[in-house]
């Protein structure tokens, strides 16, 4: 295994860090967004994607080989894929609690349940694929 140059590590850090940064951005958005006024809180987490991507690029820059960069990206993507349905559930609970009408609250609860089941199944499949990719990528690396 040959050490890669700094430019290559930064390039692979940008490409590999996009998916985990996007998944974490969506999770933070679901958890911290204000249900009543979306415009108030959207600016507060708007730069989180760029901050997370910058942190991942720095983490990639410190990696010894490019393969380790991709293994870390796949492992983080798997973890965030498994946690995404929980953040959608939290957002659904906040939306249901904010409803004033009983029928609207029931509809929101049913919609949240359907979304959590659908996204949960999809993210389970994606998380398993990312986990397998991380396993096979880490398997060839030596400490």
C-alpha atoms as a PDB file:
ATOM      1  CA  UNK A   1       0.000   0.000   0.000  1.00  0.00           C
ATOM      2  CA  UNK A   2       1.525   3.258  -1.142  1.00  0.00           C
ATOM      3  CA  UNK A   3       0.938   6.530   0.631  1.00  0.00           C
ATOM      4  CA  UNK A   4      -1.023   8.954  -1.511  1.00  0.00           C
ATOM      5  CA  UNK A   5      -0.184  12.575  -2.118  1.00  0.00           C
ATOM      6  CA  UNK A   6      -1.877  15.353  -0.213  1.00  0.00           C
ATOM      7  CA  UNK A   7      -3.856  16.529  -3.254  1.00  0.00           C
ATOM      8  CA  UNK A   8      -5.211  13.053  -3.929  1.00  0.00           C
ATOM      9  CA  UNK A   9      -6.255  12.618  -0.299  1.00  0.00           C
ATOM     10  CA  UNK A  10      -8.090  15.951  -0.308  1.00  0.00           C
ATOM     11  CA  UNK A  11      -9.826  15.094  -3.596  1.00  0.00           C
ATOM     12  CA  UNK A  12     -10.933  11.680  -2.298  1.00  0.00           C
ATOM     13  CA  UNK A  13     -11.942  13.299   0.988  1.00  0.00           C
ATOM     14  CA  UNK A  14     -14.283  15.661  -0.877  1.00  0.00           C
ATOM     15  CA  UNK A  15     -15.819  12.892  -2.970  1.00  0.00           C
ATOM     16  CA  UNK A  16     -16.024  10.296  -0.180  1.00  0.00           C
ATOM     17  CA  UNK A  17     -17.245  12.781   2.423  1.00  0.00           C
ATOM     18  CA  UNK A  18     -20.245  13.927   0.398  1.00  0.00           C
ATOM     19  CA  UNK A  19     -22.618  11.072   1.321  1.00  0.00           C
ATOM     20  CA  UNK A  20     -21.982  10.970   5.091  1.00  0.00           C
ATOM     21  CA  UNK A  21     -22.115  14.781   5.192  1.00  0.00           C
ATOM     22  CA  UNK A  22     -25.426  14.783   3.339  1.00  0.00           C
ATOM     23  CA  UNK A  23     -26.921  12.109   5.598  1.00  0.00           C
ATOM     24  CA  UNK A  24     -25.837  13.946   8.746  1.00  0.00           C
ATOM     25  CA  UNK A  25     -27.145  17.224   7.314  1.00  0.00           C
ATOM     26  CA  UNK A  26     -30.565  15.635   6.739  1.00  0.00           C
ATOM     27  CA  UNK A  27     -30.571  14.173  10.252  1.00  0.00           C
ATOM     28  CA  UNK A  28     -29.680  17.517  11.837  1.00  0.00           C
ATOM     29  CA  UNK A  29     -32.332  19.187   9.725  1.00  0.00           C
ATOM     30  CA  UNK A  30     -35.005  16.771  10.889  1.00  0.00           C
ATOM     31  CA  UNK A  31     -34.073  17.077  14.539  1.00  0.00           C
ATOM     32  CA  UNK A  32     -33.390  20.792  14.907  1.00  0.00           C
ATOM     33  CA  UNK A  33     -35.785  22.425  12.441  1.00  0.00           C
ATOM     34  CA  UNK A  34     -38.600  24.407  13.994  1.00  0.00           C
ATOM     35  CA  UNK A  35     -41.979  23.058  12.954  1.00  0.00           C
ATOM     36  CA  UNK A  36     -43.806  26.382  13.299  1.00  0.00           C
ATOM     37  CA  UNK A  37     -41.427  28.608  11.327  1.00  0.00           C
ATOM     38  CA  UNK A  38     -39.005  26.811   9.053  1.00  0.00           C
ATOM     39  CA  UNK A  39     -37.316  30.008   7.864  1.00  0.00           C
ATOM     40  CA  UNK A  40     -36.164  30.881  11.382  1.00  0.00           C
ATOM     41  CA  UNK A  41     -34.167  27.746  12.000  1.00  0.00           C
ATOM     42  CA  UNK A  42     -33.101  26.769   8.487  1.00  0.00           C
ATOM     43  CA  UNK A  43     -30.275  29.299   8.572  1.00  0.00           C
ATOM     44  CA  UNK A  44     -29.008  27.949  11.880  1.00  0.00           C
ATOM     45  CA  UNK A  45     -28.112  24.546  10.441  1.00  0.00           C
ATOM     46  CA  UNK A  46     -27.614  25.615   6.819  1.00  0.00           C
ATOM     47  CA  UNK A  47     -23.847  25.663   7.008  1.00  0.00           C
ATOM     48  CA  UNK A  48     -23.636  22.372   8.869  1.00  0.00           C
ATOM     49  CA  UNK A  49     -23.187  20.474   5.603  1.00  0.00           C
ATOM     50  CA  UNK A  50     -20.093  22.494   4.712  1.00  0.00           C
ATOM     51  CA  UNK A  51     -18.695  22.255   8.238  1.00  0.00           C
ATOM     52  CA  UNK A  52     -19.189  18.485   8.313  1.00  0.00           C
ATOM     53  CA  UNK A  53     -17.640  18.151   4.849  1.00  0.00           C
ATOM     54  CA  UNK A  54     -14.649  20.257   5.936  1.00  0.00           C
ATOM     55  CA  UNK A  55     -14.178  18.065   9.017  1.00  0.00           C
ATOM     56  CA  UNK A  56     -14.321  14.949   6.865  1.00  0.00           C
ATOM     57  CA  UNK A  57     -11.761  16.420   4.440  1.00  0.00           C
ATOM     58  CA  UNK A  58      -9.443  17.137   7.367  1.00  0.00           C
ATOM     59  CA  UNK A  59      -9.981  13.607   8.689  1.00  0.00           C
ATOM     60  CA  UNK A  60      -9.218  12.267   5.201  1.00  0.00           C
ATOM     61  CA  UNK A  61      -6.105  14.398   4.977  1.00  0.00           C
ATOM     62  CA  UNK A  62      -4.778  12.699   8.107  1.00  0.00           C
ATOM     63  CA  UNK A  63      -5.436   9.183   6.713  1.00  0.00           C
ATOM     64  CA  UNK A  64      -2.441   7.208   5.565  1.00  0.00           C
ATOM     65  CA  UNK A  65      -3.981   5.665   2.419  1.00  0.00           C
ATOM     66  CA  UNK A  66      -6.918   6.461   0.157  1.00  0.00           C
ATOM     67  CA  UNK A  67      -8.535   3.112   0.840  1.00  0.00           C
ATOM     68  CA  UNK A  68      -8.872   4.060   4.513  1.00  0.00           C
ATOM     69  CA  UNK A  69     -10.648   7.280   3.470  1.00  0.00           C
ATOM     70  CA  UNK A  70     -13.289   5.294   1.591  1.00  0.00           C
ATOM     71  CA  UNK A  71     -13.617   2.752   4.390  1.00  0.00           C
ATOM     72  CA  UNK A  72     -14.279   5.539   6.891  1.00  0.00           C
ATOM     73  CA  UNK A  73     -16.786   7.125   4.533  1.00  0.00           C
ATOM     74  CA  UNK A  74     -18.671   3.863   4.079  1.00  0.00           C
ATOM     75  CA  UNK A  75     -18.668   3.176   7.822  1.00  0.00           C
ATOM     76  CA  UNK A  76     -20.004   6.649   8.655  1.00  0.00           C
ATOM     77  CA  UNK A  77     -22.606   6.358   5.894  1.00  0.00           C
ATOM     78  CA  UNK A  78     -23.781   3.051   7.368  1.00  0.00           C
ATOM     79  CA  UNK A  79     -24.077   4.536  10.858  1.00  0.00           C
ATOM     80  CA  UNK A  80     -25.940   7.606   9.619  1.00  0.00           C
ATOM     81  CA  UNK A  81     -28.226   5.459   7.444  1.00  0.00           C
ATOM     82  CA  UNK A  82     -29.273   3.449  10.479  1.00  0.00           C
ATOM     83  CA  UNK A  83     -29.890   6.646  12.513  1.00  0.00           C
ATOM     84  CA  UNK A  84     -31.849   8.572   9.854  1.00  0.00           C
ATOM     85  CA  UNK A  85     -35.255   6.913  10.566  1.00  0.00           C
ATOM     86  CA  UNK A  86     -34.886   7.911  14.226  1.00  0.00           C
ATOM     87  CA  UNK A  87     -34.448  11.554  13.246  1.00  0.00           C
ATOM     88  CA  UNK A  88     -37.509  11.348  10.992  1.00  0.00           C
ATOM     89  CA  UNK A  89     -39.461   9.884  13.903  1.00  0.00           C
ATOM     90  CA  UNK A  90     -38.341  12.783  16.133  1.00  0.00           C
ATOM     91  CA  UNK A  91     -39.460  15.288  13.492  1.00  0.00           C
ATOM     92  CA  UNK A  92     -42.801  13.500  13.168  1.00  0.00           C
ATOM     93  CA  UNK A  93     -43.358  13.578  16.921  1.00  0.00           C
ATOM     94  CA  UNK A  94     -42.596  17.308  16.992  1.00  0.00           C
ATOM     95  CA  UNK A  95     -45.023  17.857  14.112  1.00  0.00           C
ATOM     96  CA  UNK A  96     -47.749  15.800  15.770  1.00  0.00           C
ATOM     97  CA  UNK A  97     -47.398  17.600  19.086  1.00  0.00           C
ATOM     98  CA  UNK A  98     -47.608  21.012  17.399  1.00  0.00           C
ATOM     99  CA  UNK A  99     -51.014  20.229  15.828  1.00  0.00           C
ATOM    100  CA  UNK A 100     -54.006  21.870  17.487  1.00  0.00           C
ATOM    101  CA  UNK A 101     -56.730  19.871  15.761  1.00  0.00           C
ATOM    102  CA  UNK A 102     -57.262  16.252  16.774  1.00  0.00           C
ATOM    103  CA  UNK A 103     -57.797  15.014  13.225  1.00  0.00           C
ATOM    104  CA  UNK A 104     -54.694  16.842  12.007  1.00  0.00           C
ATOM    105  CA  UNK A 105     -52.670  15.273  14.800  1.00  0.00           C
ATOM    106  CA  UNK A 106     -53.973  11.811  13.868  1.00  0.00           C
ATOM    107  CA  UNK A 107     -53.123  12.394  10.208  1.00  0.00           C
ATOM    108  CA  UNK A 108     -49.664  13.612  11.093  1.00  0.00           C
ATOM    109  CA  UNK A 109     -49.081  10.570  13.312  1.00  0.00           C
ATOM    110  CA  UNK A 110     -50.212   8.191  10.567  1.00  0.00           C
ATOM    111  CA  UNK A 111     -48.075   9.986   7.982  1.00  0.00           C
ATOM    112  CA  UNK A 112     -45.081   9.870  10.299  1.00  0.00           C
ATOM    113  CA  UNK A 113     -45.549   6.147  10.828  1.00  0.00           C
ATOM    114  CA  UNK A 114     -45.708   5.492   7.098  1.00  0.00           C
ATOM    115  CA  UNK A 115     -42.633   7.654   6.472  1.00  0.00           C
ATOM    116  CA  UNK A 116     -40.639   6.000   9.252  1.00  0.00           C
ATOM    117  CA  UNK A 117     -41.479   2.509   7.963  1.00  0.00           C
ATOM    118  CA  UNK A 118     -40.659   3.373   4.341  1.00  0.00           C
ATOM    119  CA  UNK A 119     -37.477   5.313   5.098  1.00  0.00           C
ATOM    120  CA  UNK A 120     -36.494   2.763   7.736  1.00  0.00           C
ATOM    121  CA  UNK A 121     -36.669  -0.071   5.217  1.00  0.00           C
ATOM    122  CA  UNK A 122     -34.794   1.911   2.581  1.00  0.00           C
ATOM    123  CA  UNK A 123     -32.109   3.040   5.028  1.00  0.00           C
ATOM    124  CA  UNK A 124     -31.769  -0.513   6.376  1.00  0.00           C
ATOM    125  CA  UNK A 125     -30.918  -1.716   2.872  1.00  0.00           C
ATOM    126  CA  UNK A 126     -28.546   1.198   2.277  1.00  0.00           C
ATOM    127  CA  UNK A 127     -26.965   0.762   5.697  1.00  0.00           C
ATOM    128  CA  UNK A 128     -26.344  -2.922   5.045  1.00  0.00           C
ATOM    129  CA  UNK A 129     -24.783  -2.112   1.665  1.00  0.00           C
ATOM    130  CA  UNK A 130     -22.563   0.551   3.246  1.00  0.00           C
ATOM    131  CA  UNK A 131     -21.641  -1.858   6.062  1.00  0.00           C
ATOM    132  CA  UNK A 132     -20.627  -4.571   3.633  1.00  0.00           C
ATOM    133  CA  UNK A 133     -18.615  -2.059   1.624  1.00  0.00           C
ATOM    134  CA  UNK A 134     -16.862  -0.843   4.767  1.00  0.00           C
ATOM    135  CA  UNK A 135     -16.164  -4.411   5.885  1.00  0.00           C
ATOM    136  CA  UNK A 136     -14.579  -5.422   2.589  1.00  0.00           C
ATOM    137  CA  UNK A 137     -12.634  -2.164   2.374  1.00  0.00           C
ATOM    138  CA  UNK A 138     -11.298  -2.386   5.937  1.00  0.00           C
ATOM    139  CA  UNK A 139     -10.522  -6.083   5.586  1.00  0.00           C
ATOM    140  CA  UNK A 140      -7.602  -5.475   3.238  1.00  0.00           C
ATOM    141  CA  UNK A 141      -6.024  -2.751   5.378  1.00  0.00           C
ATOM    142  CA  UNK A 142      -3.274  -3.469   7.846  1.00  0.00           C
ATOM    143  CA  UNK A 143      -2.968  -1.530  11.064  1.00  0.00           C
END
